Amino acid sequence: ISKDGVAVLTIPNIQDGRINYLTD
């Protein structure tokens, strides 16, 4: 895990019909 690199989407990012691309 790092501050940069490839962003990872998790379950809370996947809303029904919409993706929230903000991730830590």
PDBML (XML) file of the C-alpha atoms, coordinates in Angstrom:
<?xml version="1.0" encoding="UTF-8" ?>
<PDBx:datablock datablockName="MODEL"
   xmlns:PDBx="http://pdbml.pdb.org/schema/pdbx-v50.xsd"
   xmlns:xsi="http://www.w3.org/2001/XMLSchema-instance"
   xsi:schemaLocation="http://pdbml.pdb.org/schema/pdbx-v50.xsd pdbx-v50.xsd">
   <PDBx:atom_siteCategory>
      <PDBx:atom_site id="1">
         <PDBx:B_iso_or_equiv>0.00</PDBx:B_iso_or_equiv>
         <PDBx:Cartn_x>0.000</PDBx:Cartn_x>
         <PDBx:Cartn_y>0.000</PDBx:Cartn_y>
         <PDBx:Cartn_z>0.000</PDBx:Cartn_z>
         <PDBx:auth_asym_id>A</PDBx:auth_asym_id>
         <PDBx:auth_atom_id>CA</PDBx:auth_atom_id>
         <PDBx:auth_comp_id>ILE</PDBx:auth_comp_id>
         <PDBx:auth_seq_id>1</PDBx:auth_seq_id>
         <PDBx:group_PDB>ATOM</PDBx:group_PDB>
         <PDBx:label_alt_id xsi:nil="true" />
         <PDBx:label_asym_id>A</PDBx:label_asym_id>
         <PDBx:label_atom_id>CA</PDBx:label_atom_id>
         <PDBx:label_comp_id>ILE</PDBx:label_comp_id>
         <PDBx:label_entity_id>1</PDBx:label_entity_id>
         <PDBx:label_seq_id>1</PDBx:label_seq_id>
         <PDBx:occupancy>1.00</PDBx:occupancy>
         <PDBx:pdbx_PDB_model_num>1</PDBx:pdbx_PDB_model_num>
         <PDBx:type_symbol>C</PDBx:type_symbol>
      </PDBx:atom_site>
      <PDBx:atom_site id="2">
         <PDBx:B_iso_or_equiv>0.00</PDBx:B_iso_or_equiv>
         <PDBx:Cartn_x>1.334</PDBx:Cartn_x>
         <PDBx:Cartn_y>3.451</PDBx:Cartn_y>
         <PDBx:Cartn_z>-0.901</PDBx:Cartn_z>
         <PDBx:auth_asym_id>A</PDBx:auth_asym_id>
         <PDBx:auth_atom_id>CA</PDBx:auth_atom_id>
         <PDBx:auth_comp_id>SER</PDBx:auth_comp_id>
         <PDBx:auth_seq_id>2</PDBx:auth_seq_id>
         <PDBx:group_PDB>ATOM</PDBx:group_PDB>
         <PDBx:label_alt_id xsi:nil="true" />
         <PDBx:label_asym_id>A</PDBx:label_asym_id>
         <PDBx:label_atom_id>CA</PDBx:label_atom_id>
         <PDBx:label_comp_id>SER</PDBx:label_comp_id>
         <PDBx:label_entity_id>1</PDBx:label_entity_id>
         <PDBx:label_seq_id>2</PDBx:label_seq_id>
         <PDBx:occupancy>1.00</PDBx:occupancy>
         <PDBx:pdbx_PDB_model_num>1</PDBx:pdbx_PDB_model_num>
         <PDBx:type_symbol>C</PDBx:type_symbol>
      </PDBx:atom_site>
      <PDBx:atom_site id="3">
         <PDBx:B_iso_or_equiv>0.00</PDBx:B_iso_or_equiv>
         <PDBx:Cartn_x>0.232</PDBx:Cartn_x>
         <PDBx:Cartn_y>7.066</PDBx:Cartn_y>
         <PDBx:Cartn_z>-1.337</PDBx:Cartn_z>
         <PDBx:auth_asym_id>A</PDBx:auth_asym_id>
         <PDBx:auth_atom_id>CA</PDBx:auth_atom_id>
         <PDBx:auth_comp_id>LYS</PDBx:auth_comp_id>
         <PDBx:auth_seq_id>3</PDBx:auth_seq_id>
         <PDBx:group_PDB>ATOM</PDBx:group_PDB>
         <PDBx:label_alt_id xsi:nil="true" />
         <PDBx:label_asym_id>A</PDBx:label_asym_id>
         <PDBx:label_atom_id>CA</PDBx:label_atom_id>
         <PDBx:label_comp_id>LYS</PDBx:label_comp_id>
         <PDBx:label_entity_id>1</PDBx:label_entity_id>
         <PDBx:label_seq_id>3</PDBx:label_seq_id>
         <PDBx:occupancy>1.00</PDBx:occupancy>
         <PDBx:pdbx_PDB_model_num>1</PDBx:pdbx_PDB_model_num>
         <PDBx:type_symbol>C</PDBx:type_symbol>
      </PDBx:atom_site>
      <PDBx:atom_site id="4">
         <PDBx:B_iso_or_equiv>0.00</PDBx:B_iso_or_equiv>
         <PDBx:Cartn_x>0.388</PDBx:Cartn_x>
         <PDBx:Cartn_y>6.787</PDBx:Cartn_y>
         <PDBx:Cartn_z>-5.112</PDBx:Cartn_z>
         <PDBx:auth_asym_id>A</PDBx:auth_asym_id>
         <PDBx:auth_atom_id>CA</PDBx:auth_atom_id>
         <PDBx:auth_comp_id>ASP</PDBx:auth_comp_id>
         <PDBx:auth_seq_id>4</PDBx:auth_seq_id>
         <PDBx:group_PDB>ATOM</PDBx:group_PDB>
         <PDBx:label_alt_id xsi:nil="true" />
         <PDBx:label_asym_id>A</PDBx:label_asym_id>
         <PDBx:label_atom_id>CA</PDBx:label_atom_id>
         <PDBx:label_comp_id>ASP</PDBx:label_comp_id>
         <PDBx:label_entity_id>1</PDBx:label_entity_id>
         <PDBx:label_seq_id>4</PDBx:label_seq_id>
         <PDBx:occupancy>1.00</PDBx:occupancy>
         <PDBx:pdbx_PDB_model_num>1</PDBx:pdbx_PDB_model_num>
         <PDBx:type_symbol>C</PDBx:type_symbol>
      </PDBx:atom_site>
      <PDBx:atom_site id="5">
         <PDBx:B_iso_or_equiv>0.00</PDBx:B_iso_or_equiv>
         <PDBx:Cartn_x>0.476</PDBx:Cartn_x>
         <PDBx:Cartn_y>3.971</PDBx:Cartn_y>
         <PDBx:Cartn_z>-7.641</PDBx:Cartn_z>
         <PDBx:auth_asym_id>A</PDBx:auth_asym_id>
         <PDBx:auth_atom_id>CA</PDBx:auth_atom_id>
         <PDBx:auth_comp_id>GLY</PDBx:auth_comp_id>
         <PDBx:auth_seq_id>5</PDBx:auth_seq_id>
         <PDBx:group_PDB>ATOM</PDBx:group_PDB>
         <PDBx:label_alt_id xsi:nil="true" />
         <PDBx:label_asym_id>A</PDBx:label_asym_id>
         <PDBx:label_atom_id>CA</PDBx:label_atom_id>
         <PDBx:label_comp_id>GLY</PDBx:label_comp_id>
         <PDBx:label_entity_id>1</PDBx:label_entity_id>
         <PDBx:label_seq_id>5</PDBx:label_seq_id>
         <PDBx:occupancy>1.00</PDBx:occupancy>
         <PDBx:pdbx_PDB_model_num>1</PDBx:pdbx_PDB_model_num>
         <PDBx:type_symbol>C</PDBx:type_symbol>
      </PDBx:atom_site>
      <PDBx:atom_site id="6">
         <PDBx:B_iso_or_equiv>0.00</PDBx:B_iso_or_equiv>
         <PDBx:Cartn_x>-2.534</PDBx:Cartn_x>
         <PDBx:Cartn_y>2.113</PDBx:Cartn_y>
         <PDBx:Cartn_z>-9.055</PDBx:Cartn_z>
         <PDBx:auth_asym_id>A</PDBx:auth_asym_id>
         <PDBx:auth_atom_id>CA</PDBx:auth_atom_id>
         <PDBx:auth_comp_id>VAL</PDBx:auth_comp_id>
         <PDBx:auth_seq_id>6</PDBx:auth_seq_id>
         <PDBx:group_PDB>ATOM</PDBx:group_PDB>
         <PDBx:label_alt_id xsi:nil="true" />
         <PDBx:label_asym_id>A</PDBx:label_asym_id>
         <PDBx:label_atom_id>CA</PDBx:label_atom_id>
         <PDBx:label_comp_id>VAL</PDBx:label_comp_id>
         <PDBx:label_entity_id>1</PDBx:label_entity_id>
         <PDBx:label_seq_id>6</PDBx:label_seq_id>
         <PDBx:occupancy>1.00</PDBx:occupancy>
         <PDBx:pdbx_PDB_model_num>1</PDBx:pdbx_PDB_model_num>
         <PDBx:type_symbol>C</PDBx:type_symbol>
      </PDBx:atom_site>
      <PDBx:atom_site id="7">
         <PDBx:B_iso_or_equiv>0.00</PDBx:B_iso_or_equiv>
         <PDBx:Cartn_x>-5.801</PDBx:Cartn_x>
         <PDBx:Cartn_y>3.212</PDBx:Cartn_y>
         <PDBx:Cartn_z>-7.438</PDBx:Cartn_z>
         <PDBx:auth_asym_id>A</PDBx:auth_asym_id>
         <PDBx:auth_atom_id>CA</PDBx:auth_atom_id>
         <PDBx:auth_comp_id>ALA</PDBx:auth_comp_id>
         <PDBx:auth_seq_id>7</PDBx:auth_seq_id>
         <PDBx:group_PDB>ATOM</PDBx:group_PDB>
         <PDBx:label_alt_id xsi:nil="true" />
         <PDBx:label_asym_id>A</PDBx:label_asym_id>
         <PDBx:label_atom_id>CA</PDBx:label_atom_id>
         <PDBx:label_comp_id>ALA</PDBx:label_comp_id>
         <PDBx:label_entity_id>1</PDBx:label_entity_id>
         <PDBx:label_seq_id>7</PDBx:label_seq_id>
         <PDBx:occupancy>1.00</PDBx:occupancy>
         <PDBx:pdbx_PDB_model_num>1</PDBx:pdbx_PDB_model_num>
         <PDBx:type_symbol>C</PDBx:type_symbol>
      </PDBx:atom_site>
      <PDBx:atom_site id="8">
         <PDBx:B_iso_or_equiv>0.00</PDBx:B_iso_or_equiv>
         <PDBx:Cartn_x>-7.969</PDBx:Cartn_x>
         <PDBx:Cartn_y>0.439</PDBx:Cartn_y>
         <PDBx:Cartn_z>-5.965</PDBx:Cartn_z>
         <PDBx:auth_asym_id>A</PDBx:auth_asym_id>
         <PDBx:auth_atom_id>CA</PDBx:auth_atom_id>
         <PDBx:auth_comp_id>VAL</PDBx:auth_comp_id>
         <PDBx:auth_seq_id>8</PDBx:auth_seq_id>
         <PDBx:group_PDB>ATOM</PDBx:group_PDB>
         <PDBx:label_alt_id xsi:nil="true" />
         <PDBx:label_asym_id>A</PDBx:label_asym_id>
         <PDBx:label_atom_id>CA</PDBx:label_atom_id>
         <PDBx:label_comp_id>VAL</PDBx:label_comp_id>
         <PDBx:label_entity_id>1</PDBx:label_entity_id>
         <PDBx:label_seq_id>8</PDBx:label_seq_id>
         <PDBx:occupancy>1.00</PDBx:occupancy>
         <PDBx:pdbx_PDB_model_num>1</PDBx:pdbx_PDB_model_num>
         <PDBx:type_symbol>C</PDBx:type_symbol>
      </PDBx:atom_site>
      <PDBx:atom_site id="9">
         <PDBx:B_iso_or_equiv>0.00</PDBx:B_iso_or_equiv>
         <PDBx:Cartn_x>-11.760</PDBx:Cartn_x>
         <PDBx:Cartn_y>0.494</PDBx:Cartn_y>
         <PDBx:Cartn_z>-5.926</PDBx:Cartn_z>
         <PDBx:auth_asym_id>A</PDBx:auth_asym_id>
         <PDBx:auth_atom_id>CA</PDBx:auth_atom_id>
         <PDBx:auth_comp_id>LEU</PDBx:auth_comp_id>
         <PDBx:auth_seq_id>9</PDBx:auth_seq_id>
         <PDBx:group_PDB>ATOM</PDBx:group_PDB>
         <PDBx:label_alt_id xsi:nil="true" />
         <PDBx:label_asym_id>A</PDBx:label_asym_id>
         <PDBx:label_atom_id>CA</PDBx:label_atom_id>
         <PDBx:label_comp_id>LEU</PDBx:label_comp_id>
         <PDBx:label_entity_id>1</PDBx:label_entity_id>
         <PDBx:label_seq_id>9</PDBx:label_seq_id>
         <PDBx:occupancy>1.00</PDBx:occupancy>
         <PDBx:pdbx_PDB_model_num>1</PDBx:pdbx_PDB_model_num>
         <PDBx:type_symbol>C</PDBx:type_symbol>
      </PDBx:atom_site>
      <PDBx:atom_site id="10">
         <PDBx:B_iso_or_equiv>0.00</PDBx:B_iso_or_equiv>
         <PDBx:Cartn_x>-13.446</PDBx:Cartn_x>
         <PDBx:Cartn_y>-1.299</PDBx:Cartn_y>
         <PDBx:Cartn_z>-3.025</PDBx:Cartn_z>
         <PDBx:auth_asym_id>A</PDBx:auth_asym_id>
         <PDBx:auth_atom_id>CA</PDBx:auth_atom_id>
         <PDBx:auth_comp_id>THR</PDBx:auth_comp_id>
         <PDBx:auth_seq_id>10</PDBx:auth_seq_id>
         <PDBx:group_PDB>ATOM</PDBx:group_PDB>
         <PDBx:label_alt_id xsi:nil="true" />
         <PDBx:label_asym_id>A</PDBx:label_asym_id>
         <PDBx:label_atom_id>CA</PDBx:label_atom_id>
         <PDBx:label_comp_id>THR</PDBx:label_comp_id>
         <PDBx:label_entity_id>1</PDBx:label_entity_id>
         <PDBx:label_seq_id>10</PDBx:label_seq_id>
         <PDBx:occupancy>1.00</PDBx:occupancy>
         <PDBx:pdbx_PDB_model_num>1</PDBx:pdbx_PDB_model_num>
         <PDBx:type_symbol>C</PDBx:type_symbol>
      </PDBx:atom_site>
      <PDBx:atom_site id="11">
         <PDBx:B_iso_or_equiv>0.00</PDBx:B_iso_or_equiv>
         <PDBx:Cartn_x>-17.071</PDBx:Cartn_x>
         <PDBx:Cartn_y>-2.215</PDBx:Cartn_y>
         <PDBx:Cartn_z>-2.254</PDBx:Cartn_z>
         <PDBx:auth_asym_id>A</PDBx:auth_asym_id>
         <PDBx:auth_atom_id>CA</PDBx:auth_atom_id>
         <PDBx:auth_comp_id>ILE</PDBx:auth_comp_id>
         <PDBx:auth_seq_id>11</PDBx:auth_seq_id>
         <PDBx:group_PDB>ATOM</PDBx:group_PDB>
         <PDBx:label_alt_id xsi:nil="true" />
         <PDBx:label_asym_id>A</PDBx:label_asym_id>
         <PDBx:label_atom_id>CA</PDBx:label_atom_id>
         <PDBx:label_comp_id>ILE</PDBx:label_comp_id>
         <PDBx:label_entity_id>1</PDBx:label_entity_id>
         <PDBx:label_seq_id>11</PDBx:label_seq_id>
         <PDBx:occupancy>1.00</PDBx:occupancy>
         <PDBx:pdbx_PDB_model_num>1</PDBx:pdbx_PDB_model_num>
         <PDBx:type_symbol>C</PDBx:type_symbol>
      </PDBx:atom_site>
      <PDBx:atom_site id="12">
         <PDBx:B_iso_or_equiv>0.00</PDBx:B_iso_or_equiv>
         <PDBx:Cartn_x>-18.109</PDBx:Cartn_x>
         <PDBx:Cartn_y>1.301</PDBx:Cartn_y>
         <PDBx:Cartn_z>-1.078</PDBx:Cartn_z>
         <PDBx:auth_asym_id>A</PDBx:auth_asym_id>
         <PDBx:auth_atom_id>CA</PDBx:auth_atom_id>
         <PDBx:auth_comp_id>PRO</PDBx:auth_comp_id>
         <PDBx:auth_seq_id>12</PDBx:auth_seq_id>
         <PDBx:group_PDB>ATOM</PDBx:group_PDB>
         <PDBx:label_alt_id xsi:nil="true" />
         <PDBx:label_asym_id>A</PDBx:label_asym_id>
         <PDBx:label_atom_id>CA</PDBx:label_atom_id>
         <PDBx:label_comp_id>PRO</PDBx:label_comp_id>
         <PDBx:label_entity_id>1</PDBx:label_entity_id>
         <PDBx:label_seq_id>12</PDBx:label_seq_id>
         <PDBx:occupancy>1.00</PDBx:occupancy>
         <PDBx:pdbx_PDB_model_num>1</PDBx:pdbx_PDB_model_num>
         <PDBx:type_symbol>C</PDBx:type_symbol>
      </PDBx:atom_site>
      <PDBx:atom_site id="13">
         <PDBx:B_iso_or_equiv>0.00</PDBx:B_iso_or_equiv>
         <PDBx:Cartn_x>-16.928</PDBx:Cartn_x>
         <PDBx:Cartn_y>2.704</PDBx:Cartn_y>
         <PDBx:Cartn_z>-4.439</PDBx:Cartn_z>
         <PDBx:auth_asym_id>A</PDBx:auth_asym_id>
         <PDBx:auth_atom_id>CA</PDBx:auth_atom_id>
         <PDBx:auth_comp_id>ASN</PDBx:auth_comp_id>
         <PDBx:auth_seq_id>13</PDBx:auth_seq_id>
         <PDBx:group_PDB>ATOM</PDBx:group_PDB>
         <PDBx:label_alt_id xsi:nil="true" />
         <PDBx:label_asym_id>A</PDBx:label_asym_id>
         <PDBx:label_atom_id>CA</PDBx:label_atom_id>
         <PDBx:label_comp_id>ASN</PDBx:label_comp_id>
         <PDBx:label_entity_id>1</PDBx:label_entity_id>
         <PDBx:label_seq_id>13</PDBx:label_seq_id>
         <PDBx:occupancy>1.00</PDBx:occupancy>
         <PDBx:pdbx_PDB_model_num>1</PDBx:pdbx_PDB_model_num>
         <PDBx:type_symbol>C</PDBx:type_symbol>
      </PDBx:atom_site>
      <PDBx:atom_site id="14">
         <PDBx:B_iso_or_equiv>0.00</PDBx:B_iso_or_equiv>
         <PDBx:Cartn_x>-19.456</PDBx:Cartn_x>
         <PDBx:Cartn_y>0.561</PDBx:Cartn_y>
         <PDBx:Cartn_z>-6.299</PDBx:Cartn_z>
         <PDBx:auth_asym_id>A</PDBx:auth_asym_id>
         <PDBx:auth_atom_id>CA</PDBx:auth_atom_id>
         <PDBx:auth_comp_id>ILE</PDBx:auth_comp_id>
         <PDBx:auth_seq_id>14</PDBx:auth_seq_id>
         <PDBx:group_PDB>ATOM</PDBx:group_PDB>
         <PDBx:label_alt_id xsi:nil="true" />
         <PDBx:label_asym_id>A</PDBx:label_asym_id>
         <PDBx:label_atom_id>CA</PDBx:label_atom_id>
         <PDBx:label_comp_id>ILE</PDBx:label_comp_id>
         <PDBx:label_entity_id>1</PDBx:label_entity_id>
         <PDBx:label_seq_id>14</PDBx:label_seq_id>
         <PDBx:occupancy>1.00</PDBx:occupancy>
         <PDBx:pdbx_PDB_model_num>1</PDBx:pdbx_PDB_model_num>
         <PDBx:type_symbol>C</PDBx:type_symbol>
      </PDBx:atom_site>
      <PDBx:atom_site id="15">
         <PDBx:B_iso_or_equiv>0.00</PDBx:B_iso_or_equiv>
         <PDBx:Cartn_x>-22.890</PDBx:Cartn_x>
         <PDBx:Cartn_y>2.037</PDBx:Cartn_y>
         <PDBx:Cartn_z>-5.906</PDBx:Cartn_z>
         <PDBx:auth_asym_id>A</PDBx:auth_asym_id>
         <PDBx:auth_atom_id>CA</PDBx:auth_atom_id>
         <PDBx:auth_comp_id>GLN</PDBx:auth_comp_id>
         <PDBx:auth_seq_id>15</PDBx:auth_seq_id>
         <PDBx:group_PDB>ATOM</PDBx:group_PDB>
         <PDBx:label_alt_id xsi:nil="true" />
         <PDBx:label_asym_id>A</PDBx:label_asym_id>
         <PDBx:label_atom_id>CA</PDBx:label_atom_id>
         <PDBx:label_comp_id>GLN</PDBx:label_comp_id>
         <PDBx:label_entity_id>1</PDBx:label_entity_id>
         <PDBx:label_seq_id>15</PDBx:label_seq_id>
         <PDBx:occupancy>1.00</PDBx:occupancy>
         <PDBx:pdbx_PDB_model_num>1</PDBx:pdbx_PDB_model_num>
         <PDBx:type_symbol>C</PDBx:type_symbol>
      </PDBx:atom_site>
      <PDBx:atom_site id="16">
         <PDBx:B_iso_or_equiv>0.00</PDBx:B_iso_or_equiv>
         <PDBx:Cartn_x>-25.810</PDBx:Cartn_x>
         <PDBx:Cartn_y>0.621</PDBx:Cartn_y>
         <PDBx:Cartn_z>-7.839</PDBx:Cartn_z>
         <PDBx:auth_asym_id>A</PDBx:auth_asym_id>
         <PDBx:auth_atom_id>CA</PDBx:auth_atom_id>
         <PDBx:auth_comp_id>ASP</PDBx:auth_comp_id>
         <PDBx:auth_seq_id>16</PDBx:auth_seq_id>
         <PDBx:group_PDB>ATOM</PDBx:group_PDB>
         <PDBx:label_alt_id xsi:nil="true" />
         <PDBx:label_asym_id>A</PDBx:label_asym_id>
         <PDBx:label_atom_id>CA</PDBx:label_atom_id>
         <PDBx:label_comp_id>ASP</PDBx:label_comp_id>
         <PDBx:label_entity_id>1</PDBx:label_entity_id>
         <PDBx:label_seq_id>16</PDBx:label_seq_id>
         <PDBx:occupancy>1.00</PDBx:occupancy>
         <PDBx:pdbx_PDB_model_num>1</PDBx:pdbx_PDB_model_num>
         <PDBx:type_symbol>C</PDBx:type_symbol>
      </PDBx:atom_site>
      <PDBx:atom_site id="17">
         <PDBx:B_iso_or_equiv>0.00</PDBx:B_iso_or_equiv>
         <PDBx:Cartn_x>-25.292</PDBx:Cartn_x>
         <PDBx:Cartn_y>1.978</PDBx:Cartn_y>
         <PDBx:Cartn_z>-11.347</PDBx:Cartn_z>
         <PDBx:auth_asym_id>A</PDBx:auth_asym_id>
         <PDBx:auth_atom_id>CA</PDBx:auth_atom_id>
         <PDBx:auth_comp_id>GLY</PDBx:auth_comp_id>
         <PDBx:auth_seq_id>17</PDBx:auth_seq_id>
         <PDBx:group_PDB>ATOM</PDBx:group_PDB>
         <PDBx:label_alt_id xsi:nil="true" />
         <PDBx:label_asym_id>A</PDBx:label_asym_id>
         <PDBx:label_atom_id>CA</PDBx:label_atom_id>
         <PDBx:label_comp_id>GLY</PDBx:label_comp_id>
         <PDBx:label_entity_id>1</PDBx:label_entity_id>
         <PDBx:label_seq_id>17</PDBx:label_seq_id>
         <PDBx:occupancy>1.00</PDBx:occupancy>
         <PDBx:pdbx_PDB_model_num>1</PDBx:pdbx_PDB_model_num>
         <PDBx:type_symbol>C</PDBx:type_symbol>
      </PDBx:atom_site>
      <PDBx:atom_site id="18">
         <PDBx:B_iso_or_equiv>0.00</PDBx:B_iso_or_equiv>
         <PDBx:Cartn_x>-22.527</PDBx:Cartn_x>
         <PDBx:Cartn_y>4.429</PDBx:Cartn_y>
         <PDBx:Cartn_z>-10.421</PDBx:Cartn_z>
         <PDBx:auth_asym_id>A</PDBx:auth_asym_id>
         <PDBx:auth_atom_id>CA</PDBx:auth_atom_id>
         <PDBx:auth_comp_id>ARG</PDBx:auth_comp_id>
         <PDBx:auth_seq_id>18</PDBx:auth_seq_id>
         <PDBx:group_PDB>ATOM</PDBx:group_PDB>
         <PDBx:label_alt_id xsi:nil="true" />
         <PDBx:label_asym_id>A</PDBx:label_asym_id>
         <PDBx:label_atom_id>CA</PDBx:label_atom_id>
         <PDBx:label_comp_id>ARG</PDBx:label_comp_id>
         <PDBx:label_entity_id>1</PDBx:label_entity_id>
         <PDBx:label_seq_id>18</PDBx:label_seq_id>
         <PDBx:occupancy>1.00</PDBx:occupancy>
         <PDBx:pdbx_PDB_model_num>1</PDBx:pdbx_PDB_model_num>
         <PDBx:type_symbol>C</PDBx:type_symbol>
      </PDBx:atom_site>
      <PDBx:atom_site id="19">
         <PDBx:B_iso_or_equiv>0.00</PDBx:B_iso_or_equiv>
         <PDBx:Cartn_x>-18.826</PDBx:Cartn_x>
         <PDBx:Cartn_y>4.329</PDBx:Cartn_y>
         <PDBx:Cartn_z>-9.560</PDBx:Cartn_z>
         <PDBx:auth_asym_id>A</PDBx:auth_asym_id>
         <PDBx:auth_atom_id>CA</PDBx:auth_atom_id>
         <PDBx:auth_comp_id>ILE</PDBx:auth_comp_id>
         <PDBx:auth_seq_id>19</PDBx:auth_seq_id>
         <PDBx:group_PDB>ATOM</PDBx:group_PDB>
         <PDBx:label_alt_id xsi:nil="true" />
         <PDBx:label_asym_id>A</PDBx:label_asym_id>
         <PDBx:label_atom_id>CA</PDBx:label_atom_id>
         <PDBx:label_comp_id>ILE</PDBx:label_comp_id>
         <PDBx:label_entity_id>1</PDBx:label_entity_id>
         <PDBx:label_seq_id>19</PDBx:label_seq_id>
         <PDBx:occupancy>1.00</PDBx:occupancy>
         <PDBx:pdbx_PDB_model_num>1</PDBx:pdbx_PDB_model_num>
         <PDBx:type_symbol>C</PDBx:type_symbol>
      </PDBx:atom_site>
      <PDBx:atom_site id="20">
         <PDBx:B_iso_or_equiv>0.00</PDBx:B_iso_or_equiv>
         <PDBx:Cartn_x>-17.204</PDBx:Cartn_x>
         <PDBx:Cartn_y>6.694</PDBx:Cartn_y>
         <PDBx:Cartn_z>-7.092</PDBx:Cartn_z>
         <PDBx:auth_asym_id>A</PDBx:auth_asym_id>
         <PDBx:auth_atom_id>CA</PDBx:auth_atom_id>
         <PDBx:auth_comp_id>ASN</PDBx:auth_comp_id>
         <PDBx:auth_seq_id>20</PDBx:auth_seq_id>
         <PDBx:group_PDB>ATOM</PDBx:group_PDB>
         <PDBx:label_alt_id xsi:nil="true" />
         <PDBx:label_asym_id>A</PDBx:label_asym_id>
         <PDBx:label_atom_id>CA</PDBx:label_atom_id>
         <PDBx:label_comp_id>ASN</PDBx:label_comp_id>
         <PDBx:label_entity_id>1</PDBx:label_entity_id>
         <PDBx:label_seq_id>20</PDBx:label_seq_id>
         <PDBx:occupancy>1.00</PDBx:occupancy>
         <PDBx:pdbx_PDB_model_num>1</PDBx:pdbx_PDB_model_num>
         <PDBx:type_symbol>C</PDBx:type_symbol>
      </PDBx:atom_site>
      <PDBx:atom_site id="21">
         <PDBx:B_iso_or_equiv>0.00</PDBx:B_iso_or_equiv>
         <PDBx:Cartn_x>-13.591</PDBx:Cartn_x>
         <PDBx:Cartn_y>6.924</PDBx:Cartn_y>
         <PDBx:Cartn_z>-8.261</PDBx:Cartn_z>
         <PDBx:auth_asym_id>A</PDBx:auth_asym_id>
         <PDBx:auth_atom_id>CA</PDBx:auth_atom_id>
         <PDBx:auth_comp_id>TYR</PDBx:auth_comp_id>
         <PDBx:auth_seq_id>21</PDBx:auth_seq_id>
         <PDBx:group_PDB>ATOM</PDBx:group_PDB>
         <PDBx:label_alt_id xsi:nil="true" />
         <PDBx:label_asym_id>A</PDBx:label_asym_id>
         <PDBx:label_atom_id>CA</PDBx:label_atom_id>
         <PDBx:label_comp_id>TYR</PDBx:label_comp_id>
         <PDBx:label_entity_id>1</PDBx:label_entity_id>
         <PDBx:label_seq_id>21</PDBx:label_seq_id>
         <PDBx:occupancy>1.00</PDBx:occupancy>
         <PDBx:pdbx_PDB_model_num>1</PDBx:pdbx_PDB_model_num>
         <PDBx:type_symbol>C</PDBx:type_symbol>
      </PDBx:atom_site>
      <PDBx:atom_site id="22">
         <PDBx:B_iso_or_equiv>0.00</PDBx:B_iso_or_equiv>
         <PDBx:Cartn_x>-12.319</PDBx:Cartn_x>
         <PDBx:Cartn_y>8.631</PDBx:Cartn_y>
         <PDBx:Cartn_z>-5.100</PDBx:Cartn_z>
         <PDBx:auth_asym_id>A</PDBx:auth_asym_id>
         <PDBx:auth_atom_id>CA</PDBx:auth_atom_id>
         <PDBx:auth_comp_id>LEU</PDBx:auth_comp_id>
         <PDBx:auth_seq_id>22</PDBx:auth_seq_id>
         <PDBx:group_PDB>ATOM</PDBx:group_PDB>
         <PDBx:label_alt_id xsi:nil="true" />
         <PDBx:label_asym_id>A</PDBx:label_asym_id>
         <PDBx:label_atom_id>CA</PDBx:label_atom_id>
         <PDBx:label_comp_id>LEU</PDBx:label_comp_id>
         <PDBx:label_entity_id>1</PDBx:label_entity_id>
         <PDBx:label_seq_id>22</PDBx:label_seq_id>
         <PDBx:occupancy>1.00</PDBx:occupancy>
         <PDBx:pdbx_PDB_model_num>1</PDBx:pdbx_PDB_model_num>
         <PDBx:type_symbol>C</PDBx:type_symbol>
      </PDBx:atom_site>
      <PDBx:atom_site id="23">
         <PDBx:B_iso_or_equiv>0.00</PDBx:B_iso_or_equiv>
         <PDBx:Cartn_x>-10.204</PDBx:Cartn_x>
         <PDBx:Cartn_y>6.156</PDBx:Cartn_y>
         <PDBx:Cartn_z>-3.116</PDBx:Cartn_z>
         <PDBx:auth_asym_id>A</PDBx:auth_asym_id>
         <PDBx:auth_atom_id>CA</PDBx:auth_atom_id>
         <PDBx:auth_comp_id>THR</PDBx:auth_comp_id>
         <PDBx:auth_seq_id>23</PDBx:auth_seq_id>
         <PDBx:group_PDB>ATOM</PDBx:group_PDB>
         <PDBx:label_alt_id xsi:nil="true" />
         <PDBx:label_asym_id>A</PDBx:label_asym_id>
         <PDBx:label_atom_id>CA</PDBx:label_atom_id>
         <PDBx:label_comp_id>THR</PDBx:label_comp_id>
         <PDBx:label_entity_id>1</PDBx:label_entity_id>
         <PDBx:label_seq_id>23</PDBx:label_seq_id>
         <PDBx:occupancy>1.00</PDBx:occupancy>
         <PDBx:pdbx_PDB_model_num>1</PDBx:pdbx_PDB_model_num>
         <PDBx:type_symbol>C</PDBx:type_symbol>
      </PDBx:atom_site>
      <PDBx:atom_site id="24">
         <PDBx:B_iso_or_equiv>0.00</PDBx:B_iso_or_equiv>
         <PDBx:Cartn_x>-7.457</PDBx:Cartn_x>
         <PDBx:Cartn_y>6.290</PDBx:Cartn_y>
         <PDBx:Cartn_z>-0.507</PDBx:Cartn_z>
         <PDBx:auth_asym_id>A</PDBx:auth_asym_id>
         <PDBx:auth_atom_id>CA</PDBx:auth_atom_id>
         <PDBx:auth_comp_id>ASP</PDBx:auth_comp_id>
         <PDBx:auth_seq_id>24</PDBx:auth_seq_id>
         <PDBx:group_PDB>ATOM</PDBx:group_PDB>
         <PDBx:label_alt_id xsi:nil="true" />
         <PDBx:label_asym_id>A</PDBx:label_asym_id>
         <PDBx:label_atom_id>CA</PDBx:label_atom_id>
         <PDBx:label_comp_id>ASP</PDBx:label_comp_id>
         <PDBx:label_entity_id>1</PDBx:label_entity_id>
         <PDBx:label_seq_id>24</PDBx:label_seq_id>
         <PDBx:occupancy>1.00</PDBx:occupancy>
         <PDBx:pdbx_PDB_model_num>1</PDBx:pdbx_PDB_model_num>
         <PDBx:type_symbol>C</PDBx:type_symbol>
      </PDBx:atom_site>
   </PDBx:atom_siteCategory>
</PDBx:datablock>
